[in-house]
Amino acid sequence: MLDRFFFPLMALAAAMVIALALVWPQGIGARSPGPFGHTPIQQTPEMQAAMKRQTEASQKRINQARETMRGLQAEAVAAQP
């Protein structure tokens, strides 16, 4: 391919890729600059509160399971002659 066709075509392709990168949705990573970005879902106050509630509930279940096992082990040890 001739250079006078190839290089302008590559410049156009590079400009199109840059334009696409400016408007492509950002998922849950860092926010995009300017008017194109949005706050990631996991950084919203509602989602932060929900994740905190979920973590606390999980920790409560784990602690209850540990206490139950400690009680059962204490009973088993106390029942031995």
PDB file of N, CA and C in Angstrom:
ATOM      1  N   MET A   1       0.849  -1.168   0.000  1.00  0.00           N
ATOM      2  CA  MET A   1       0.000   0.000   0.000  1.00  0.00           C
ATOM      3  C   MET A   1       0.900   1.239   0.000  1.00  0.00           C
ATOM      4  N   LEU A   2       0.486   2.235  -0.702  1.00  0.00           N
ATOM      5  CA  LEU A   2       1.266   3.462  -0.778  1.00  0.00           C
ATOM      6  C   LEU A   2       1.240   4.204   0.549  1.00  0.00           C
ATOM      7  N   ASP A   3       2.359   4.845   0.879  1.00  0.00           N
ATOM      8  CA  ASP A   3       2.462   5.576   2.132  1.00  0.00           C
ATOM      9  C   ASP A   3       1.460   6.719   2.214  1.00  0.00           C
ATOM     10  N   ARG A   4       1.143   7.342   1.093  1.00  0.00           N
ATOM     11  CA  ARG A   4       0.229   8.483   1.149  1.00  0.00           C
ATOM     12  C   ARG A   4      -1.205   8.034   1.448  1.00  0.00           C
ATOM     13  N   PHE A   5      -1.517   6.771   1.280  1.00  0.00           N
ATOM     14  CA  PHE A   5      -2.829   6.255   1.687  1.00  0.00           C
ATOM     15  C   PHE A   5      -2.770   5.607   3.073  1.00  0.00           C
ATOM     16  N   PHE A   6      -1.654   4.932   3.346  1.00  0.00           N
ATOM     17  CA  PHE A   6      -1.527   4.175   4.586  1.00  0.00           C
ATOM     18  C   PHE A   6      -1.499   5.074   5.821  1.00  0.00           C
ATOM     19  N   PHE A   7      -0.645   6.077   5.826  1.00  0.00           N
ATOM     20  CA  PHE A   7      -0.493   6.913   7.019  1.00  0.00           C
ATOM     21  C   PHE A   7      -1.733   7.753   7.340  1.00  0.00           C
ATOM     22  N   PRO A   8      -2.393   8.363   6.350  1.00  0.00           N
ATOM     23  CA  PRO A   8      -3.656   9.044   6.697  1.00  0.00           C
ATOM     24  C   PRO A   8      -4.724   8.072   7.216  1.00  0.00           C
ATOM     25  N   LEU A   9      -4.746   6.869   6.664  1.00  0.00           N
ATOM     26  CA  LEU A   9      -5.686   5.859   7.133  1.00  0.00           C
ATOM     27  C   LEU A   9      -5.383   5.473   8.587  1.00  0.00           C
ATOM     28  N   MET A  10      -4.107   5.330   8.929  1.00  0.00           N
ATOM     29  CA  MET A  10      -3.718   5.014  10.303  1.00  0.00           C
ATOM     30  C   MET A  10      -4.041   6.180  11.247  1.00  0.00           C
ATOM     31  N   ALA A  11      -3.848   7.415  10.801  1.00  0.00           N
ATOM     32  CA  ALA A  11      -4.188   8.577  11.626  1.00  0.00           C
ATOM     33  C   ALA A  11      -5.692   8.621  11.870  1.00  0.00           C
ATOM     34  N   LEU A  12      -6.479   8.334  10.861  1.00  0.00           N
ATOM     35  CA  LEU A  12      -7.935   8.294  11.019  1.00  0.00           C
ATOM     36  C   LEU A  12      -8.342   7.178  11.975  1.00  0.00           C
ATOM     37  N   ALA A  13      -7.716   6.010  11.857  1.00  0.00           N
ATOM     38  CA  ALA A  13      -8.024   4.896  12.755  1.00  0.00           C
ATOM     39  C   ALA A  13      -7.647   5.253  14.195  1.00  0.00           C
ATOM     40  N   ALA A  14      -6.502   5.912  14.396  1.00  0.00           N
ATOM     41  CA  ALA A  14      -6.090   6.312  15.742  1.00  0.00           C
ATOM     42  C   ALA A  14      -7.076   7.322  16.327  1.00  0.00           C
ATOM     43  N   ALA A  15      -7.519   8.281  15.513  1.00  0.00           N
ATOM     44  CA  ALA A  15      -8.488   9.273  15.986  1.00  0.00           C
ATOM     45  C   ALA A  15      -9.811   8.603  16.353  1.00  0.00           C
ATOM     46  N   MET A  16     -10.231   7.619  15.592  1.00  0.00           N
ATOM     47  CA  MET A  16     -11.479   6.918  15.888  1.00  0.00           C
ATOM     48  C   MET A  16     -11.362   6.114  17.184  1.00  0.00           C
ATOM     49  N   VAL A  17     -10.216   5.496  17.414  1.00  0.00           N
ATOM     50  CA  VAL A  17     -10.018   4.725  18.649  1.00  0.00           C
ATOM     51  C   VAL A  17      -9.998   5.657  19.857  1.00  0.00           C
ATOM     52  N   ILE A  18      -9.373   6.811  19.718  1.00  0.00           N
ATOM     53  CA  ILE A  18      -9.358   7.781  20.811  1.00  0.00           C
ATOM     54  C   ILE A  18     -10.763   8.287  21.100  1.00  0.00           C
ATOM     55  N   ALA A  19     -11.535   8.585  20.059  1.00  0.00           N
ATOM     56  CA  ALA A  19     -12.919   9.036  20.244  1.00  0.00           C
ATOM     57  C   ALA A  19     -13.759   7.951  20.915  1.00  0.00           C
ATOM     58  N   LEU A  20     -13.561   6.719  20.534  1.00  0.00           N
ATOM     59  CA  LEU A  20     -14.291   5.614  21.160  1.00  0.00           C
ATOM     60  C   LEU A  20     -13.922   5.479  22.637  1.00  0.00           C
ATOM     61  N   ALA A  21     -12.646   5.658  22.953  1.00  0.00           N
ATOM     62  CA  ALA A  21     -12.204   5.551  24.340  1.00  0.00           C
ATOM     63  C   ALA A  21     -12.807   6.657  25.204  1.00  0.00           C
ATOM     64  N   LEU A  22     -13.121   7.798  24.620  1.00  0.00           N
ATOM     65  CA  LEU A  22     -13.704   8.899  25.384  1.00  0.00           C
ATOM     66  C   LEU A  22     -15.151   8.639  25.778  1.00  0.00           C
ATOM     67  N   VAL A  23     -15.874   7.871  24.974  1.00  0.00           N
ATOM     68  CA  VAL A  23     -17.305   7.677  25.234  1.00  0.00           C
ATOM     69  C   VAL A  23     -17.660   6.264  25.662  1.00  0.00           C
ATOM     70  N   TRP A  24     -16.718   5.357  25.714  1.00  0.00           N
ATOM     71  CA  TRP A  24     -17.013   3.964  26.073  1.00  0.00           C
ATOM     72  C   TRP A  24     -17.408   3.890  27.550  1.00  0.00           C
ATOM     73  N   PRO A  25     -18.416   3.086  27.905  1.00  0.00           N
ATOM     74  CA  PRO A  25     -18.830   2.953  29.314  1.00  0.00           C
ATOM     75  C   PRO A  25     -17.670   2.483  30.189  1.00  0.00           C
ATOM     76  N   GLN A  26     -17.662   2.956  31.441  1.00  0.00           N
ATOM     77  CA  GLN A  26     -16.515   2.741  32.298  1.00  0.00           C
ATOM     78  C   GLN A  26     -16.656   1.582  33.276  1.00  0.00           C
ATOM     79  N   GLY A  27     -17.741   0.892  33.364  1.00  0.00           N
ATOM     80  CA  GLY A  27     -17.843  -0.236  34.282  1.00  0.00           C
ATOM     81  C   GLY A  27     -17.689   0.187  35.734  1.00  0.00           C
ATOM     82  N   ILE A  28     -16.952  -0.580  36.543  1.00  0.00           N
ATOM     83  CA  ILE A  28     -16.834  -0.282  37.969  1.00  0.00           C
ATOM     84  C   ILE A  28     -15.454   0.237  38.345  1.00  0.00           C
ATOM     85  N   GLY A  29     -14.664   0.650  37.365  1.00  0.00           N
ATOM     86  CA  GLY A  29     -13.338   1.168  37.648  1.00  0.00           C
ATOM     87  C   GLY A  29     -13.371   2.641  38.000  1.00  0.00           C
ATOM     88  N   ALA A  30     -12.257   3.316  37.811  1.00  0.00           N
ATOM     89  CA  ALA A  30     -12.158   4.737  38.114  1.00  0.00           C
ATOM     90  C   ALA A  30     -13.010   5.543  37.144  1.00  0.00           C
ATOM     91  N   ARG A  31     -13.462   6.689  37.596  1.00  0.00           N
ATOM     92  CA  ARG A  31     -14.342   7.528  36.797  1.00  0.00           C
ATOM     93  C   ARG A  31     -13.596   8.149  35.630  1.00  0.00           C
ATOM     94  N   SER A  32     -14.269   8.249  34.514  1.00  0.00           N
ATOM     95  CA  SER A  32     -13.733   8.879  33.321  1.00  0.00           C
ATOM     96  C   SER A  32     -13.764  10.396  33.498  1.00  0.00           C
ATOM     97  N   PRO A  33     -12.820  11.115  32.956  1.00  0.00           N
ATOM     98  CA  PRO A  33     -12.845  12.569  33.095  1.00  0.00           C
ATOM     99  C   PRO A  33     -13.903  13.219  32.215  1.00  0.00           C
ATOM    100  N   GLY A  34     -14.256  14.426  32.593  1.00  0.00           N
ATOM    101  CA  GLY A  34     -15.141  15.226  31.762  1.00  0.00           C
ATOM    102  C   GLY A  34     -16.579  14.774  31.775  1.00  0.00           C
ATOM    103  N   PRO A  35     -17.317  15.162  30.771  1.00  0.00           N
ATOM    104  CA  PRO A  35     -18.758  14.883  30.751  1.00  0.00           C
ATOM    105  C   PRO A  35     -19.111  13.442  30.412  1.00  0.00           C
ATOM    106  N   PHE A  36     -18.141  12.612  30.058  1.00  0.00           N
ATOM    107  CA  PHE A  36     -18.446  11.259  29.612  1.00  0.00           C
ATOM    108  C   PHE A  36     -18.532  10.256  30.748  1.00  0.00           C
ATOM    109  N   GLY A  37     -17.835  10.510  31.843  1.00  0.00           N
ATOM    110  CA  GLY A  37     -17.761   9.527  32.913  1.00  0.00           C
ATOM    111  C   GLY A  37     -18.983   9.525  33.798  1.00  0.00           C
ATOM    112  N   HIS A  38     -19.098   8.496  34.606  1.00  0.00           N
ATOM    113  CA  HIS A  38     -20.159   8.382  35.603  1.00  0.00           C
ATOM    114  C   HIS A  38     -19.557   7.756  36.854  1.00  0.00           C
ATOM    115  N   THR A  39     -20.214   7.989  37.970  1.00  0.00           N
ATOM    116  CA  THR A  39     -19.725   7.408  39.218  1.00  0.00           C
ATOM    117  C   THR A  39     -19.958   5.904  39.185  1.00  0.00           C
ATOM    118  N   PRO A  40     -18.920   5.114  39.452  1.00  0.00           N
ATOM    119  CA  PRO A  40     -19.108   3.657  39.473  1.00  0.00           C
ATOM    120  C   PRO A  40     -20.152   3.260  40.517  1.00  0.00           C
ATOM    121  N   ILE A  41     -20.896   2.226  40.230  1.00  0.00           N
ATOM    122  CA  ILE A  41     -22.000   1.792  41.091  1.00  0.00           C
ATOM    123  C   ILE A  41     -21.511   1.481  42.498  1.00  0.00           C
ATOM    124  N   GLN A  42     -20.340   0.872  42.622  1.00  0.00           N
ATOM    125  CA  GLN A  42     -19.851   0.490  43.948  1.00  0.00           C
ATOM    126  C   GLN A  42     -19.386   1.686  44.775  1.00  0.00           C
ATOM    127  N   GLN A  43     -19.306   2.863  44.180  1.00  0.00           N
ATOM    128  CA  GLN A  43     -18.895   4.045  44.926  1.00  0.00           C
ATOM    129  C   GLN A  43     -20.074   4.925  45.319  1.00  0.00           C
ATOM    130  N   THR A  44     -21.295   4.527  44.983  1.00  0.00           N
ATOM    131  CA  THR A  44     -22.458   5.311  45.381  1.00  0.00           C
ATOM    132  C   THR A  44     -22.730   5.087  46.866  1.00  0.00           C
ATOM    133  N   PRO A  45     -23.270   6.085  47.567  1.00  0.00           N
ATOM    134  CA  PRO A  45     -23.537   5.929  49.004  1.00  0.00           C
ATOM    135  C   PRO A  45     -24.487   4.769  49.313  1.00  0.00           C
ATOM    136  N   GLU A  46     -25.489   4.560  48.458  1.00  0.00           N
ATOM    137  CA  GLU A  46     -26.440   3.467  48.695  1.00  0.00           C
ATOM    138  C   GLU A  46     -25.740   2.117  48.640  1.00  0.00           C
ATOM    139  N   MET A  47     -24.882   1.929  47.642  1.00  0.00           N
ATOM    140  CA  MET A  47     -24.184   0.655  47.497  1.00  0.00           C
ATOM    141  C   MET A  47     -23.163   0.478  48.614  1.00  0.00           C
ATOM    142  N   GLN A  48     -22.501   1.552  49.023  1.00  0.00           N
ATOM    143  CA  GLN A  48     -21.556   1.472  50.133  1.00  0.00           C
ATOM    144  C   GLN A  48     -22.273   1.009  51.411  1.00  0.00           C
ATOM    145  N   ALA A  49     -23.461   1.578  51.660  1.00  0.00           N
ATOM    146  CA  ALA A  49     -24.233   1.187  52.846  1.00  0.00           C
ATOM    147  C   ALA A  49     -24.674  -0.275  52.742  1.00  0.00           C
ATOM    148  N   ALA A  50     -25.105  -0.697  51.564  1.00  0.00           N
ATOM    149  CA  ALA A  50     -25.531  -2.086  51.384  1.00  0.00           C
ATOM    150  C   ALA A  50     -24.361  -3.049  51.591  1.00  0.00           C
ATOM    151  N   MET A  51     -23.190  -2.698  51.078  1.00  0.00           N
ATOM    152  CA  MET A  51     -22.025  -3.566  51.255  1.00  0.00           C
ATOM    153  C   MET A  51     -21.615  -3.626  52.718  1.00  0.00           C
ATOM    154  N   LYS A  52     -21.742  -2.510  53.433  1.00  0.00           N
ATOM    155  CA  LYS A  52     -21.406  -2.501  54.853  1.00  0.00           C
ATOM    156  C   LYS A  52     -22.375  -3.380  55.641  1.00  0.00           C
ATOM    157  N   ARG A  53     -23.685  -3.287  55.328  1.00  0.00           N
ATOM    158  CA  ARG A  53     -24.674  -4.140  55.999  1.00  0.00           C
ATOM    159  C   ARG A  53     -24.399  -5.611  55.728  1.00  0.00           C
ATOM    160  N   GLN A  54     -24.059  -5.926  54.497  1.00  0.00           N
ATOM    161  CA  GLN A  54     -23.780  -7.309  54.130  1.00  0.00           C
ATOM    162  C   GLN A  54     -22.551  -7.830  54.879  1.00  0.00           C
ATOM    163  N   THR A  55     -21.517  -7.014  54.978  1.00  0.00           N
ATOM    164  CA  THR A  55     -20.304  -7.421  55.690  1.00  0.00           C
ATOM    165  C   THR A  55     -20.593  -7.646  57.166  1.00  0.00           C
ATOM    166  N   GLU A  56     -21.352  -6.737  57.777  1.00  0.00           N
ATOM    167  CA  GLU A  56     -21.684  -6.887  59.197  1.00  0.00           C
ATOM    168  C   GLU A  56     -22.520  -8.130  59.449  1.00  0.00           C
ATOM    169  N   ALA A  57     -23.486  -8.410  58.566  1.00  0.00           N
ATOM    170  CA  ALA A  57     -24.310  -9.606  58.719  1.00  0.00           C
ATOM    171  C   ALA A  57     -23.451 -10.868  58.583  1.00  0.00           C
ATOM    172  N   SER A  58     -22.519 -10.857  57.650  1.00  0.00           N
ATOM    173  CA  SER A  58     -21.641 -12.002  57.458  1.00  0.00           C
ATOM    174  C   SER A  58     -20.759 -12.220  58.693  1.00  0.00           C
ATOM    175  N   GLN A  59     -20.210 -11.146  59.236  1.00  0.00           N
ATOM    176  CA  GLN A  59     -19.390 -11.262  60.437  1.00  0.00           C
ATOM    177  C   GLN A  59     -20.213 -11.788  61.617  1.00  0.00           C
ATOM    178  N   LYS A  60     -21.467 -11.354  61.724  1.00  0.00           N
ATOM    179  CA  LYS A  60     -22.340 -11.823  62.804  1.00  0.00           C
ATOM    180  C   LYS A  60     -22.586 -13.332  62.677  1.00  0.00           C
ATOM    181  N   ARG A  61     -22.848 -13.802  61.439  1.00  0.00           N
ATOM    182  CA  ARG A  61     -23.068 -15.237  61.225  1.00  0.00           C
ATOM    183  C   ARG A  61     -21.814 -16.038  61.560  1.00  0.00           C
ATOM    184  N   ILE A  62     -20.662 -15.539  61.172  1.00  0.00           N
ATOM    185  CA  ILE A  62     -19.405 -16.232  61.463  1.00  0.00           C
ATOM    186  C   ILE A  62     -19.179 -16.318  62.965  1.00  0.00           C
ATOM    187  N   ASN A  63     -19.409 -15.215  63.671  1.00  0.00           N
ATOM    188  CA  ASN A  63     -19.224 -15.214  65.125  1.00  0.00           C
ATOM    189  C   ASN A  63     -20.201 -16.155  65.821  1.00  0.00           C
ATOM    190  N   GLN A  64     -21.454 -16.217  65.346  1.00  0.00           N
ATOM    191  CA  GLN A  64     -22.420 -17.141  65.921  1.00  0.00           C
ATOM    192  C   GLN A  64     -21.992 -18.581  65.703  1.00  0.00           C
ATOM    193  N   ALA A  65     -21.494 -18.889  64.517  1.00  0.00           N
ATOM    194  CA  ALA A  65     -21.038 -20.254  64.229  1.00  0.00           C
ATOM    195  C   ALA A  65     -19.855 -20.623  65.124  1.00  0.00           C
ATOM    196  N   ARG A  66     -18.946 -19.679  65.328  1.00  0.00           N
ATOM    197  CA  ARG A  66     -17.789 -19.953  66.186  1.00  0.00           C
ATOM    198  C   ARG A  66     -18.232 -20.197  67.624  1.00  0.00           C
ATOM    199  N   GLU A  67     -19.154 -19.379  68.122  1.00  0.00           N
ATOM    200  CA  GLU A  67     -19.643 -19.555  69.491  1.00  0.00           C
ATOM    201  C   GLU A  67     -20.354 -20.902  69.646  1.00  0.00           C
ATOM    202  N   THR A  68     -21.128 -21.276  68.640  1.00  0.00           N
ATOM    203  CA  THR A  68     -21.811 -22.570  68.684  1.00  0.00           C
ATOM    204  C   THR A  68     -20.793 -23.710  68.747  1.00  0.00           C
ATOM    205  N   MET A  69     -19.751 -23.628  67.925  1.00  0.00           N
ATOM    206  CA  MET A  69     -18.733 -24.678  67.937  1.00  0.00           C
ATOM    207  C   MET A  69     -17.992 -24.711  69.273  1.00  0.00           C
ATOM    208  N   ARG A  70     -17.700 -23.554  69.829  1.00  0.00           N
ATOM    209  CA  ARG A  70     -17.029 -23.520  71.140  1.00  0.00           C
ATOM    210  C   ARG A  70     -17.908 -24.162  72.212  1.00  0.00           C
ATOM    211  N   GLY A  71     -19.208 -23.873  72.170  1.00  0.00           N
ATOM    212  CA  GLY A  71     -20.133 -24.477  73.129  1.00  0.00           C
ATOM    213  C   GLY A  71     -20.206 -25.977  72.994  1.00  0.00           C
ATOM    214  N   LEU A  72     -20.294 -26.455  71.746  1.00  0.00           N
ATOM    215  CA  LEU A  72     -20.334 -27.897  71.509  1.00  0.00           C
ATOM    216  C   LEU A  72     -19.039 -28.577  71.955  1.00  0.00           C
ATOM    217  N   GLN A  73     -17.908 -27.945  71.692  1.00  0.00           N
ATOM    218  CA  GLN A  73     -16.647 -28.526  72.114  1.00  0.00           C
ATOM    219  C   GLN A  73     -16.514 -28.525  73.636  1.00  0.00           C
ATOM    220  N   ALA A  74     -17.000 -27.470  74.272  1.00  0.00           N
ATOM    221  CA  ALA A  74     -16.952 -27.415  75.748  1.00  0.00           C
ATOM    222  C   ALA A  74     -17.827 -28.514  76.346  1.00  0.00           C
ATOM    223  N   GLU A  75     -19.008 -28.745  75.764  1.00  0.00           N
ATOM    224  CA  GLU A  75     -19.882 -29.809  76.241  1.00  0.00           C
ATOM    225  C   GLU A  75     -19.245 -31.188  76.044  1.00  0.00           C
ATOM    226  N   ALA A  76     -18.578 -31.367  74.894  1.00  0.00           N
ATOM    227  CA  ALA A  76     -17.936 -32.649  74.613  1.00  0.00           C
ATOM    228  C   ALA A  76     -16.788 -32.898  75.589  1.00  0.00           C
ATOM    229  N   VAL A  77     -16.039 -31.877  75.909  1.00  0.00           N
ATOM    230  CA  VAL A  77     -14.920 -32.022  76.845  1.00  0.00           C
ATOM    231  C   VAL A  77     -15.450 -32.270  78.249  1.00  0.00           C
ATOM    232  N   ALA A  78     -16.523 -31.576  78.634  1.00  0.00           N
ATOM    233  CA  ALA A  78     -17.080 -31.738  79.969  1.00  0.00           C
ATOM    234  C   ALA A  78     -17.739 -33.115  80.153  1.00  0.00           C
ATOM    235  N   ALA A  79     -18.225 -33.718  79.078  1.00  0.00           N
ATOM    236  CA  ALA A  79     -18.879 -35.022  79.148  1.00  0.00           C
ATOM    237  C   ALA A  79     -17.888 -36.172  79.248  1.00  0.00           C
ATOM    238  N   GLN A  80     -16.651 -35.942  78.965  1.00  0.00           N
ATOM    239  CA  GLN A  80     -15.640 -37.012  79.041  1.00  0.00           C
ATOM    240  C   GLN A  80     -15.340 -37.341  80.495  1.00  0.00           C
ATOM    241  N   PRO A  81     -15.155 -38.658  80.818  1.00  0.00           N
ATOM    242  CA  PRO A  81     -14.885 -39.076  82.221  1.00  0.00           C
ATOM    243  C   PRO A  81     -13.516 -38.683  82.696  1.00  0.00           C
TER     244      PRO A  81
END
